[in-house]
PDB file of N, CA and C in Angstrom:
ATOM      1  N   MET A   1      -7.004   0.826   4.388  1.00  0.00           N
ATOM      2  CA  MET A   1      -5.615   0.925   3.876  1.00  0.00           C
ATOM      3  C   MET A   1      -4.626   1.338   4.980  1.00  0.00           C
ATOM      4  N   HIS A   2      -3.569   0.507   5.266  1.00  0.00           N
ATOM      5  CA  HIS A   2      -2.538   0.497   6.120  1.00  0.00           C
ATOM      6  C   HIS A   2      -1.218   0.835   5.629  1.00  0.00           C
ATOM      7  N   PRO A   3      -0.981   2.328   5.682  1.00  0.00           N
ATOM      8  CA  PRO A   3       0.139   2.728   5.301  1.00  0.00           C
ATOM      9  C   PRO A   3       1.306   2.533   6.127  1.00  0.00           C
ATOM     10  N   GLY A   4       2.863   2.544   5.525  1.00  0.00           N
ATOM     11  CA  GLY A   4       3.787   2.138   6.444  1.00  0.00           C
ATOM     12  C   GLY A   4       4.261   3.461   7.199  1.00  0.00           C
ATOM     13  N   GLY A   5       5.259   3.744   7.430  1.00  0.00           N
ATOM     14  CA  GLY A   5       5.730   5.090   8.033  1.00  0.00           C
ATOM     15  C   GLY A   5       5.367   6.208   7.198  1.00  0.00           C
ATOM     16  N   LEU A   6       4.808   7.382   7.473  1.00  0.00           N
ATOM     17  CA  LEU A   6       4.555   8.231   6.933  1.00  0.00           C
ATOM     18  C   LEU A   6       5.683   9.317   6.526  1.00  0.00           C
ATOM     19  N   VAL A   7       5.872   9.897   5.723  1.00  0.00           N
ATOM     20  CA  VAL A   7       7.071  10.728   5.401  1.00  0.00           C
ATOM     21  C   VAL A   7       6.802  12.071   4.852  1.00  0.00           C
ATOM     22  N   ASP A   8       7.244  13.262   5.061  1.00  0.00           N
ATOM     23  CA  ASP A   8       6.860  14.320   4.328  1.00  0.00           C
ATOM     24  C   ASP A   8       7.958  14.240   3.235  1.00  0.00           C
ATOM     25  N   GLU A   9       7.671  13.673   2.048  1.00  0.00           N
ATOM     26  CA  GLU A   9       8.598  13.743   1.131  1.00  0.00           C
ATOM     27  C   GLU A   9       7.488  13.986  -0.149  1.00  0.00           C
ATOM     28  N   PRO A  10       8.036  14.546  -1.478  1.00  0.00           N
ATOM     29  CA  PRO A  10       6.850  14.766  -2.541  1.00  0.00           C
ATOM     30  C   PRO A  10       6.684  13.124  -2.854  1.00  0.00           C
ATOM     31  N   GLY A  11       5.162  13.240  -3.494  1.00  0.00           N
ATOM     32  CA  GLY A  11       4.939  11.706  -3.986  1.00  0.00           C
ATOM     33  C   GLY A  11       5.050  11.565  -5.556  1.00  0.00           C
ATOM     34  N   GLY A  12       4.582  10.628  -5.944  1.00  0.00           N
ATOM     35  CA  GLY A  12       4.490  10.350  -7.155  1.00  0.00           C
ATOM     36  C   GLY A  12       6.101   9.596  -7.687  1.00  0.00           C
ATOM     37  N   LEU A  13       6.938   9.516  -6.991  1.00  0.00           N
ATOM     38  CA  LEU A  13       8.101   9.415  -7.401  1.00  0.00           C
ATOM     39  C   LEU A  13       8.773   7.806  -7.455  1.00  0.00           C
ATOM     40  N   CYS A  14       7.713   7.136  -6.524  1.00  0.00           N
ATOM     41  CA  CYS A  14       8.429   5.676  -6.280  1.00  0.00           C
ATOM     42  C   CYS A  14       7.367   4.822  -6.513  1.00  0.00           C
ATOM     43  N   GLN A  15       7.607   3.469  -6.922  1.00  0.00           N
ATOM     44  CA  GLN A  15       6.500   2.401  -7.181  1.00  0.00           C
ATOM     45  C   GLN A  15       6.126   1.883  -5.795  1.00  0.00           C
ATOM     46  N   LEU A  16       4.618   2.201  -5.554  1.00  0.00           N
ATOM     47  CA  LEU A  16       4.020   1.422  -4.524  1.00  0.00           C
ATOM     48  C   LEU A  16       3.895   0.128  -4.321  1.00  0.00           C
ATOM     49  N   CYS A  17       4.003  -0.768  -3.332  1.00  0.00           N
ATOM     50  CA  CYS A  17       3.840  -1.994  -2.973  1.00  0.00           C
ATOM     51  C   CYS A  17       2.990  -2.446  -2.140  1.00  0.00           C
ATOM     52  N   VAL A  18       1.735  -3.356  -2.461  1.00  0.00           N
ATOM     53  CA  VAL A  18       0.660  -3.557  -1.572  1.00  0.00           C
ATOM     54  C   VAL A  18       0.658  -5.176  -1.164  1.00  0.00           C
ATOM     55  N   ASP A  19       0.591  -5.345   0.056  1.00  0.00           N
ATOM     56  CA  ASP A  19       0.305  -6.721   0.701  1.00  0.00           C
ATOM     57  C   ASP A  19      -0.468  -6.662   2.010  1.00  0.00           C
ATOM     58  N   VAL A  20      -0.633  -7.729   2.461  1.00  0.00           N
ATOM     59  CA  VAL A  20      -1.409  -8.091   3.599  1.00  0.00           C
ATOM     60  C   VAL A  20      -0.796  -8.832   4.661  1.00  0.00           C
ATOM     61  N   ASP A  21      -1.385  -8.754   5.943  1.00  0.00           N
ATOM     62  CA  ASP A  21      -0.924  -9.382   7.034  1.00  0.00           C
ATOM     63  C   ASP A  21       0.566  -9.162   7.260  1.00  0.00           C
ATOM     64  N   ASP A  22       0.719  -7.828   7.270  1.00  0.00           N
ATOM     65  CA  ASP A  22       2.110  -7.327   7.749  1.00  0.00           C
ATOM     66  C   ASP A  22       3.145  -7.904   7.006  1.00  0.00           C
ATOM     67  N   LYS A  23       3.116  -8.485   6.000  1.00  0.00           N
ATOM     68  CA  LYS A  23       4.146  -9.091   5.204  1.00  0.00           C
ATOM     69  C   LYS A  23       5.079  -8.002   4.659  1.00  0.00           C
ATOM     70  N   LEU A  24       4.777  -6.984   4.679  1.00  0.00           N
ATOM     71  CA  LEU A  24       5.739  -5.761   4.185  1.00  0.00           C
ATOM     72  C   LEU A  24       6.818  -5.557   5.414  1.00  0.00           C
ATOM     73  N   LEU A  25       6.504  -5.804   6.711  1.00  0.00           N
ATOM     74  CA  LEU A  25       7.352  -5.463   7.699  1.00  0.00           C
ATOM     75  C   LEU A  25       8.542  -6.282   7.653  1.00  0.00           C
ATOM     76  N   LYS A  26       8.836  -7.264   6.852  1.00  0.00           N
ATOM     77  CA  LYS A  26       9.782  -7.983   6.407  1.00  0.00           C
ATOM     78  C   LYS A  26      10.779  -7.112   5.645  1.00  0.00           C
ATOM     79  N   ARG A  27      10.514  -6.031   4.780  1.00  0.00           N
ATOM     80  CA  ARG A  27      11.264  -5.105   4.085  1.00  0.00           C
ATOM     81  C   ARG A  27      12.108  -4.197   5.069  1.00  0.00           C
ATOM     82  N   ASN A  28      13.284  -3.861   4.681  1.00  0.00           N
ATOM     83  CA  ASN A  28      14.038  -2.965   5.468  1.00  0.00           C
ATOM     84  C   ASN A  28      13.456  -1.515   5.305  1.00  0.00           C
ATOM     85  N   VAL A  29      12.870  -1.110   4.110  1.00  0.00           N
ATOM     86  CA  VAL A  29      12.415   0.201   4.212  1.00  0.00           C
ATOM     87  C   VAL A  29      11.129   0.037   4.102  1.00  0.00           C
ATOM     88  N   ARG A  30      10.224   0.743   4.843  1.00  0.00           N
ATOM     89  CA  ARG A  30       8.713   0.724   4.719  1.00  0.00           C
ATOM     90  C   ARG A  30       8.141   1.984   5.204  1.00  0.00           C
ATOM     91  N   ASN A  31       8.587   3.060   4.363  1.00  0.00           N
ATOM     92  CA  ASN A  31       7.842   4.252   4.287  1.00  0.00           C
ATOM     93  C   ASN A  31       7.016   4.428   3.107  1.00  0.00           C
ATOM     94  N   ILE A  32       6.272   5.443   3.090  1.00  0.00           N
ATOM     95  CA  ILE A  32       5.493   6.137   2.185  1.00  0.00           C
ATOM     96  C   ILE A  32       5.244   7.674   2.452  1.00  0.00           C
ATOM     97  N   SER A  33       5.201   8.233   1.397  1.00  0.00           N
ATOM     98  CA  SER A  33       4.949   9.595   1.402  1.00  0.00           C
ATOM     99  C   SER A  33       3.349   9.929   1.749  1.00  0.00           C
ATOM    100  N   ARG A  34       3.036  10.859   2.488  1.00  0.00           N
ATOM    101  CA  ARG A  34       1.805  11.242   2.645  1.00  0.00           C
ATOM    102  C   ARG A  34       1.013  11.494   1.479  1.00  0.00           C
ATOM    103  N   ASP A  35       1.666  12.195   0.297  1.00  0.00           N
ATOM    104  CA  ASP A  35       1.252  12.615  -0.697  1.00  0.00           C
ATOM    105  C   ASP A  35       0.744  11.206  -1.517  1.00  0.00           C
ATOM    106  N   ASP A  36       1.733   9.852  -1.315  1.00  0.00           N
ATOM    107  CA  ASP A  36       1.179   9.037  -2.048  1.00  0.00           C
ATOM    108  C   ASP A  36      -0.055   8.453  -1.551  1.00  0.00           C
ATOM    109  N   VAL A  37       0.110   8.331  -0.129  1.00  0.00           N
ATOM    110  CA  VAL A  37      -1.132   7.804   0.346  1.00  0.00           C
ATOM    111  C   VAL A  37      -2.566   8.702   0.219  1.00  0.00           C
ATOM    112  N   ALA A  38      -2.458   9.859  -0.106  1.00  0.00           N
ATOM    113  CA  ALA A  38      -3.398  10.899  -0.454  1.00  0.00           C
ATOM    114  C   ALA A  38      -4.052  10.288  -1.720  1.00  0.00           C
ATOM    115  N   GLU A  39      -2.838  10.277  -2.817  1.00  0.00           N
ATOM    116  CA  GLU A  39      -3.193  10.043  -4.096  1.00  0.00           C
ATOM    117  C   GLU A  39      -4.223   8.753  -4.086  1.00  0.00           C
ATOM    118  N   LEU A  40      -3.635   7.803  -3.477  1.00  0.00           N
ATOM    119  CA  LEU A  40      -3.868   6.172  -3.511  1.00  0.00           C
ATOM    120  C   LEU A  40      -5.286   6.319  -2.910  1.00  0.00           C
ATOM    121  N   CYS A  41      -5.533   6.961  -1.908  1.00  0.00           N
ATOM    122  CA  CYS A  41      -6.995   7.046  -1.320  1.00  0.00           C
ATOM    123  C   CYS A  41      -8.121   7.435  -2.398  1.00  0.00           C
ATOM    124  N   LEU A  42      -7.710   8.481  -3.015  1.00  0.00           N
ATOM    125  CA  LEU A  42      -8.533   8.937  -4.145  1.00  0.00           C
ATOM    126  C   LEU A  42      -8.761   8.148  -5.349  1.00  0.00           C
ATOM    127  N   GLU A  43      -7.322   7.546  -5.780  1.00  0.00           N
ATOM    128  CA  GLU A  43      -7.599   6.437  -7.042  1.00  0.00           C
ATOM    129  C   GLU A  43      -8.311   5.205  -6.590  1.00  0.00           C
ATOM    130  N   VAL A  44      -8.387   4.718  -5.378  1.00  0.00           N
ATOM    131  CA  VAL A  44      -9.216   3.547  -5.236  1.00  0.00           C
ATOM    132  C   VAL A  44     -10.446   3.704  -5.023  1.00  0.00           C
ATOM    133  N   LEU A  45     -11.050   4.935  -4.716  1.00  0.00           N
ATOM    134  CA  LEU A  45     -12.299   5.212  -4.818  1.00  0.00           C
ATOM    135  C   LEU A  45     -13.272   4.834  -6.149  1.00  0.00           C
ATOM    136  N   SER A  46     -12.694   4.768  -7.162  1.00  0.00           N
ATOM    137  CA  SER A  46     -12.985   4.536  -8.728  1.00  0.00           C
ATOM    138  C   SER A  46     -12.767   3.058  -8.909  1.00  0.00           C
ATOM    139  N   ILE A  47     -12.028   2.264  -8.230  1.00  0.00           N
ATOM    140  CA  ILE A  47     -11.524   0.968  -8.577  1.00  0.00           C
ATOM    141  C   ILE A  47     -12.447  -0.097  -7.743  1.00  0.00           C
ATOM    142  N   ASP A  48     -13.256  -0.623  -8.535  1.00  0.00           N
ATOM    143  CA  ASP A  48     -14.377  -1.738  -8.006  1.00  0.00           C
ATOM    144  C   ASP A  48     -13.647  -2.603  -7.262  1.00  0.00           C
ATOM    145  N   ASN A  49     -12.385  -3.214  -7.993  1.00  0.00           N
ATOM    146  CA  ASN A  49     -11.566  -4.572  -7.126  1.00  0.00           C
ATOM    147  C   ASN A  49     -11.117  -3.988  -5.593  1.00  0.00           C
ATOM    148  N   ALA A  50     -10.947  -2.708  -5.334  1.00  0.00           N
ATOM    149  CA  ALA A  50     -10.632  -2.048  -4.038  1.00  0.00           C
ATOM    150  C   ALA A  50     -11.860  -2.148  -2.864  1.00  0.00           C
ATOM    151  N   LYS A  51     -12.999  -2.226  -3.405  1.00  0.00           N
ATOM    152  CA  LYS A  51     -13.929  -2.057  -2.583  1.00  0.00           C
ATOM    153  C   LYS A  51     -14.055  -3.223  -1.464  1.00  0.00           C
ATOM    154  N   ASN A  52     -14.187  -2.892  -0.265  1.00  0.00           N
ATOM    155  CA  ASN A  52     -14.185  -3.841   0.887  1.00  0.00           C
ATOM    156  C   ASN A  52     -12.907  -4.450   1.116  1.00  0.00           C
ATOM    157  N   ARG A  53     -11.776  -3.812   0.618  1.00  0.00           N
ATOM    158  CA  ARG A  53     -10.392  -4.457   0.626  1.00  0.00           C
ATOM    159  C   ARG A  53      -9.736  -3.792   1.881  1.00  0.00           C
ATOM    160  N   SER A  54      -8.880  -4.601   2.354  1.00  0.00           N
ATOM    161  CA  SER A  54      -7.758  -4.194   3.245  1.00  0.00           C
ATOM    162  C   SER A  54      -6.476  -4.659   3.193  1.00  0.00           C
ATOM    163  N   PHE A  55      -5.683  -3.420   3.050  1.00  0.00           N
ATOM    164  CA  PHE A  55      -4.240  -3.833   2.611  1.00  0.00           C
ATOM    165  C   PHE A  55      -3.210  -2.979   3.280  1.00  0.00           C
ATOM    166  N   ASP A  56      -2.077  -3.464   3.358  1.00  0.00           N
ATOM    167  CA  ASP A  56      -0.975  -2.400   3.800  1.00  0.00           C
ATOM    168  C   ASP A  56      -0.302  -2.103   2.501  1.00  0.00           C
ATOM    169  N   VAL A  57       0.367  -0.814   2.488  1.00  0.00           N
ATOM    170  CA  VAL A  57       1.070  -0.084   1.572  1.00  0.00           C
ATOM    171  C   VAL A  57       2.342   0.594   1.942  1.00  0.00           C
ATOM    172  N   ILE A  58       3.034   0.304   1.028  1.00  0.00           N
ATOM    173  CA  ILE A  58       4.565   1.043   1.278  1.00  0.00           C
ATOM    174  C   ILE A  58       4.896   1.606  -0.148  1.00  0.00           C
ATOM    175  N   ALA A  59       6.170   2.474  -0.084  1.00  0.00           N
ATOM    176  CA  ALA A  59       6.551   2.905  -1.401  1.00  0.00           C
ATOM    177  C   ALA A  59       8.096   1.908  -1.339  1.00  0.00           C
ATOM    178  N   LEU A  60       8.353   1.361  -2.548  1.00  0.00           N
ATOM    179  CA  LEU A  60       9.640   0.800  -3.071  1.00  0.00           C
ATOM    180  C   LEU A  60      10.871   1.762  -2.756  1.00  0.00           C
ATOM    181  N   ASP A  61      11.908   1.225  -2.046  1.00  0.00           N
ATOM    182  CA  ASP A  61      13.137   2.274  -2.278  1.00  0.00           C
ATOM    183  C   ASP A  61      13.666   2.015  -3.666  1.00  0.00           C
ATOM    184  N   ASP A  62      14.544   3.168  -3.864  1.00  0.00           N
ATOM    185  CA  ASP A  62      15.026   3.463  -5.415  1.00  0.00           C
ATOM    186  C   ASP A  62      15.738   2.143  -5.979  1.00  0.00           C
ATOM    187  N   GLU A  63      16.188   1.194  -5.013  1.00  0.00           N
ATOM    188  CA  GLU A  63      16.792   0.148  -5.725  1.00  0.00           C
ATOM    189  C   GLU A  63      15.839  -1.088  -5.902  1.00  0.00           C
ATOM    190  N   GLY A  64      14.485  -0.757  -5.607  1.00  0.00           N
ATOM    191  CA  GLY A  64      13.458  -1.874  -5.629  1.00  0.00           C
ATOM    192  C   GLY A  64      12.437  -1.218  -6.612  1.00  0.00           C
ATOM    193  N   SER A  65      12.239   0.063  -6.983  1.00  0.00           N
ATOM    194  CA  SER A  65      11.298   0.602  -7.837  1.00  0.00           C
ATOM    195  C   SER A  65      11.574   0.446  -8.972  1.00  0.00           C
ATOM    196  N   LYS A  66      10.436   0.418  -9.767  1.00  0.00           N
ATOM    197  CA  LYS A  66      10.605   0.265 -11.282  1.00  0.00           C
ATOM    198  C   LYS A  66       9.943   1.526 -11.836  1.00  0.00           C
ATOM    199  N   GLY A  67       9.929   2.697 -10.815  1.00  0.00           N
ATOM    200  CA  GLY A  67       9.177   3.976 -11.429  1.00  0.00           C
ATOM    201  C   GLY A  67       7.848   4.040 -10.705  1.00  0.00           C
ATOM    202  N   PRO A  68       7.460   5.265 -10.965  1.00  0.00           N
ATOM    203  CA  PRO A  68       6.083   5.589 -10.215  1.00  0.00           C
ATOM    204  C   PRO A  68       5.314   4.980 -10.635  1.00  0.00           C
ATOM    205  N   THR A  69       4.323   4.443  -9.560  1.00  0.00           N
ATOM    206  CA  THR A  69       3.154   3.776  -9.741  1.00  0.00           C
ATOM    207  C   THR A  69       2.065   4.626 -10.517  1.00  0.00           C
ATOM    208  N   THR A  70       1.547   4.219 -11.625  1.00  0.00           N
ATOM    209  CA  THR A  70       0.755   4.876 -12.247  1.00  0.00           C
ATOM    210  C   THR A  70      -0.787   4.401 -12.649  1.00  0.00           C
ATOM    211  N   ASP A  71      -0.708   2.933 -12.531  1.00  0.00           N
ATOM    212  CA  ASP A  71      -1.906   2.133 -12.743  1.00  0.00           C
ATOM    213  C   ASP A  71      -2.070   1.399 -11.277  1.00  0.00           C
ATOM    214  N   TYR A  72      -3.138   2.191 -10.825  1.00  0.00           N
ATOM    215  CA  TYR A  72      -3.708   1.829  -9.482  1.00  0.00           C
ATOM    216  C   TYR A  72      -4.300   0.566  -9.458  1.00  0.00           C
ATOM    217  N   GLU A  73      -5.186   0.253 -10.687  1.00  0.00           N
ATOM    218  CA  GLU A  73      -6.105  -0.994 -10.922  1.00  0.00           C
ATOM    219  C   GLU A  73      -5.033  -2.206 -10.778  1.00  0.00           C
ATOM    220  N   LEU A  74      -3.899  -1.957 -11.521  1.00  0.00           N
ATOM    221  CA  LEU A  74      -3.168  -3.193 -11.809  1.00  0.00           C
ATOM    222  C   LEU A  74      -2.547  -3.435 -10.065  1.00  0.00           C
ATOM    223  N   LEU A  75      -2.217  -2.225  -9.477  1.00  0.00           N
ATOM    224  CA  LEU A  75      -1.564  -2.194  -8.048  1.00  0.00           C
ATOM    225  C   LEU A  75      -2.409  -3.193  -7.191  1.00  0.00           C
ATOM    226  N   ILE A  76      -3.774  -2.722  -7.174  1.00  0.00           N
ATOM    227  CA  ILE A  76      -4.948  -3.204  -6.176  1.00  0.00           C
ATOM    228  C   ILE A  76      -5.056  -4.651  -6.747  1.00  0.00           C
ATOM    229  N   SER A  77      -5.065  -5.150  -8.102  1.00  0.00           N
ATOM    230  CA  SER A  77      -5.159  -6.563  -8.522  1.00  0.00           C
ATOM    231  C   SER A  77      -4.040  -7.428  -8.200  1.00  0.00           C
ATOM    232  N   SER A  78      -2.936  -6.852  -7.839  1.00  0.00           N
ATOM    233  CA  SER A  78      -1.718  -7.662  -7.318  1.00  0.00           C
ATOM    234  C   SER A  78      -1.805  -8.413  -6.162  1.00  0.00           C
ATOM    235  N   LEU A  79      -3.262  -7.900  -5.455  1.00  0.00           N
ATOM    236  CA  LEU A  79      -3.460  -8.598  -4.344  1.00  0.00           C
ATOM    237  C   LEU A  79      -4.165  -9.854  -4.365  1.00  0.00           C
ATOM    238  N   ASN A  80      -4.581 -10.222  -5.486  1.00  0.00           N
ATOM    239  CA  ASN A  80      -5.366 -11.252  -6.038  1.00  0.00           C
ATOM    240  C   ASN A  80      -6.502 -11.562  -4.909  1.00  0.00           C
ATOM    241  N   GLY A  81      -7.028 -10.761  -4.574  1.00  0.00           N
ATOM    242  CA  GLY A  81      -8.108 -10.899  -3.786  1.00  0.00           C
ATOM    243  C   GLY A  81      -8.186 -10.825  -2.172  1.00  0.00           C
ATOM    244  N   ALA A  82      -6.975 -10.919  -1.960  1.00  0.00           N
ATOM    245  CA  ALA A  82      -6.339 -11.052  -0.540  1.00  0.00           C
ATOM    246  C   ALA A  82      -6.729  -9.727   0.134  1.00  0.00           C
ATOM    247  N   ASN A  83      -7.124  -9.813   1.559  1.00  0.00           N
ATOM    248  CA  ASN A  83      -7.430  -8.913   2.716  1.00  0.00           C
ATOM    249  C   ASN A  83      -6.628  -9.117   3.631  1.00  0.00           C
ATOM    250  N   CYS A  84      -6.497  -8.214   4.457  1.00  0.00           N
ATOM    251  CA  CYS A  84      -5.607  -8.479   5.942  1.00  0.00           C
ATOM    252  C   CYS A  84      -6.773  -9.290   6.757  1.00  0.00           C
ATOM    253  N   ASP A  85      -6.093 -10.084   7.549  1.00  0.00           N
ATOM    254  CA  ASP A  85      -6.723 -11.054   8.440  1.00  0.00           C
ATOM    255  C   ASP A  85      -6.798 -10.389   9.892  1.00  0.00           C
ATOM    256  N   TYR A  86      -7.548 -10.128  10.294  1.00  0.00           N
ATOM    257  CA  TYR A  86      -7.563  -9.193  11.762  1.00  0.00           C
ATOM    258  C   TYR A  86      -7.573  -9.985  12.724  1.00  0.00           C
ATOM    259  N   SER A  87      -7.842 -11.328  12.723  1.00  0.00           N
ATOM    260  CA  SER A  87      -7.734 -12.262  13.581  1.00  0.00           C
ATOM    261  C   SER A  87      -6.357 -12.657  14.137  1.00  0.00           C
ATOM    262  N   ILE A  88      -5.565 -12.400  13.020  1.00  0.00           N
ATOM    263  CA  ILE A  88      -4.204 -12.705  13.484  1.00  0.00           C
ATOM    264  C   ILE A  88      -3.469 -11.836  14.669  1.00  0.00           C
ATOM    265  N   ASN A  89      -3.814 -10.718  14.728  1.00  0.00           N
ATOM    266  CA  ASN A  89      -3.654  -9.924  15.959  1.00  0.00           C
ATOM    267  C   ASN A  89      -4.680  -9.235  16.473  1.00  0.00           C
ATOM    268  N   PRO A  90      -5.481  -9.864  17.165  1.00  0.00           N
ATOM    269  CA  PRO A  90      -6.827  -9.339  17.547  1.00  0.00           C
ATOM    270  C   PRO A  90      -6.548  -8.212  18.849  1.00  0.00           C
ATOM    271  N   PRO A  91      -7.547  -7.390  18.799  1.00  0.00           N
ATOM    272  CA  PRO A  91      -7.133  -6.530  19.926  1.00  0.00           C
ATOM    273  C   PRO A  91      -7.239  -7.039  21.349  1.00  0.00           C
ATOM    274  N   PRO A  92      -6.762  -6.636  22.263  1.00  0.00           N
ATOM    275  CA  PRO A  92      -6.599  -6.834  23.566  1.00  0.00           C
ATOM    276  C   PRO A  92      -8.362  -6.792  24.290  1.00  0.00           C
ATOM    277  N   PRO A  93      -8.562  -7.918  24.866  1.00  0.00           N
ATOM    278  CA  PRO A  93      -9.956  -7.838  25.603  1.00  0.00           C
ATOM    279  C   PRO A  93     -10.300  -6.604  26.237  1.00  0.00           C
TER     280      PRO A  93
END
């Protein structure tokens, strides 16, 4: 899990958004509360579709949010099996 910019705000208030390969960098707001990251870490442990999955995650701002994320399985399934491709930005030799 690759969270956006971590903020010290209460969690559970915004819709979370996942994607891969830095596609979320195109958004103006790319923050996520530490509480939301912690909750997502716990929730994905019990989701089979989340195993061996690598993804980016942010919280949508008020305008883009449809309310707090409560269905984490649906959130992960929105990746449609995609994983981050680490060959795009390989580490320096």
